[in-house]
Protein backbone atom coordinates (compact mmCIF):
# COMPACT_ATOMS: atom_id res chain seq x y z
CA UNK A 1 -43.33 12.91 -70.72
CA UNK A 2 -41.25 13.72 -67.50
CA UNK A 3 -37.46 13.56 -67.59
CA UNK A 4 -37.20 10.80 -65.35
CA UNK A 5 -39.43 8.80 -67.49
CA UNK A 6 -37.22 9.02 -70.42
CA UNK A 7 -34.03 7.80 -68.32
CA UNK A 8 -34.83 4.08 -69.62
CA UNK A 9 -34.82 5.15 -73.20
CA UNK A 10 -31.44 7.06 -72.99
CA UNK A 11 -29.77 4.16 -71.38
CA UNK A 12 -31.15 1.64 -73.75
CA UNK A 13 -30.03 3.91 -76.80
CA UNK A 14 -26.39 4.05 -75.15
CA UNK A 15 -23.76 1.64 -76.00
CA UNK A 16 -22.11 2.33 -72.47
CA UNK A 17 -22.54 4.45 -69.34
CA UNK A 18 -19.80 5.98 -67.37
CA UNK A 19 -19.57 6.75 -63.69
CA UNK A 20 -16.22 8.02 -62.64
CA UNK A 21 -16.04 9.18 -59.16
CA UNK A 22 -13.56 8.61 -56.30
CA UNK A 23 -16.23 7.37 -53.75
CA UNK A 24 -19.72 6.20 -54.22
CA UNK A 25 -22.39 4.41 -52.09
CA UNK A 26 -24.84 2.36 -54.15
CA UNK A 27 -25.34 4.52 -57.18
CA UNK A 28 -28.57 4.33 -58.69
CA UNK A 29 -27.47 5.62 -62.05
CA UNK A 30 -25.28 2.24 -62.41
CA UNK A 31 -28.19 0.08 -61.30
CA UNK A 32 -30.41 2.12 -63.81
CA UNK A 33 -27.93 1.53 -66.53
CA UNK A 34 -27.63 -2.23 -66.01
CA UNK A 35 -31.27 -2.43 -65.74
CA UNK A 36 -31.64 -1.21 -69.34
CA UNK A 37 -28.83 -3.62 -70.53
CA UNK A 38 -26.16 -1.14 -70.77
CA UNK A 39 -22.52 -1.83 -69.61
CA UNK A 40 -20.84 0.54 -67.36
CA UNK A 41 -17.41 2.11 -67.04
CA UNK A 42 -16.81 2.27 -63.56
CA UNK A 43 -13.97 3.55 -61.19
CA UNK A 44 -12.05 0.70 -59.72
CA UNK A 45 -13.23 0.81 -56.09
CA UNK A 46 -14.77 -1.62 -53.71
CA UNK A 47 -18.12 0.02 -53.41
CA UNK A 48 -18.50 -0.36 -57.46
CA UNK A 49 -17.43 -4.15 -57.21
CA UNK A 50 -20.10 -4.61 -54.93
CA UNK A 51 -22.84 -3.32 -57.27
CA UNK A 52 -21.58 -5.45 -60.24
CA UNK A 53 -22.74 -9.06 -60.55
CA UNK A 54 -20.83 -10.13 -63.42
CA UNK A 55 -17.89 -9.28 -65.60
CA UNK A 56 -19.97 -8.56 -68.41
CA UNK A 57 -21.74 -5.81 -66.82
CA UNK A 58 -18.75 -3.57 -66.53
CA UNK A 59 -15.20 -2.37 -67.05
CA UNK A 60 -13.22 -1.01 -64.26
CA UNK A 61 -10.77 1.76 -64.54
CA UNK A 62 -8.34 4.21 -62.72
CA UNK A 63 -9.21 7.98 -62.68
CA UNK A 64 -6.56 8.59 -65.16
CA UNK A 65 -7.06 9.82 -68.57
CA UNK A 66 -5.09 6.96 -70.62
CA UNK A 67 -7.03 4.34 -68.34
CA UNK A 68 -10.18 5.71 -68.78
CA UNK A 69 -9.88 5.63 -72.48
CA UNK A 70 -8.63 2.21 -72.41
CA UNK A 71 -11.47 1.17 -70.27
CA UNK A 72 -14.03 2.69 -72.76
CA UNK A 73 -12.42 1.40 -75.74
CA UNK A 74 -12.38 -2.42 -74.10
CA UNK A 75 -16.18 -1.93 -72.95
CA UNK A 76 -17.42 -0.59 -76.35
CA UNK A 77 -15.19 -3.32 -78.16
CA UNK A 78 -17.31 -6.03 -76.37
CA UNK A 79 -20.22 -4.96 -78.12
CA UNK A 80 -22.59 -6.68 -75.91
CA UNK A 81 -25.88 -5.71 -74.02
CA UNK A 82 -26.07 -7.19 -70.49
CA UNK A 83 -28.88 -8.86 -68.96
CA UNK A 84 -29.88 -8.76 -65.47
CA UNK A 85 -32.95 -10.20 -64.07
CA UNK A 86 -35.51 -7.80 -62.62
CA UNK A 87 -36.08 -7.93 -58.97
CA UNK A 88 -38.98 -6.97 -56.78
CA UNK A 89 -38.54 -4.64 -53.69
CA UNK A 90 -39.23 -7.80 -51.32
CA UNK A 91 -36.13 -9.56 -53.04
CA UNK A 92 -34.02 -6.16 -52.50
CA UNK A 93 -35.13 -5.76 -49.00
CA UNK A 94 -34.10 -9.62 -48.21
CA UNK A 95 -30.86 -8.92 -49.82
CA UNK A 96 -30.11 -5.73 -47.70
CA UNK A 97 -31.24 -7.42 -44.72
CA UNK A 98 -28.98 -10.44 -45.30
CA UNK A 99 -26.13 -8.07 -45.61
CA UNK A 100 -26.92 -6.35 -42.50
CA UNK A 101 -26.86 -9.69 -40.63
CA UNK A 102 -23.55 -10.55 -42.10
CA UNK A 103 -21.87 -7.25 -40.96
CA UNK A 104 -23.65 -6.23 -37.89
CA UNK A 105 -22.61 -8.55 -35.05
CA UNK A 106 -25.81 -10.04 -33.24
CA UNK A 107 -24.40 -8.53 -29.77
CA UNK A 108 -24.72 -5.04 -31.21
CA UNK A 109 -28.38 -5.35 -31.73
């Protein structure tokens, strides 16, 4: 099987995933992890908070070794898998359009 096809198995076999970066847009790796029920350790940034729908999905941390260690320990101690309902591309496109309508003034269009 192709490497990409194996990604759901790797996430599903993991207790947690981590994305520790200073800046992100909408990171697919986090969405893929959550889709497989795997909670995430994430940098405490506005972009990351936009991706997370509920507190059970993630633990947020600063980019400092001690903070990352505490965040990962907290996430693993929960021992929970997360559940996020599947979405269709139609639903995703409606969400994107609704966001654009909120942030782009009507006069700018």
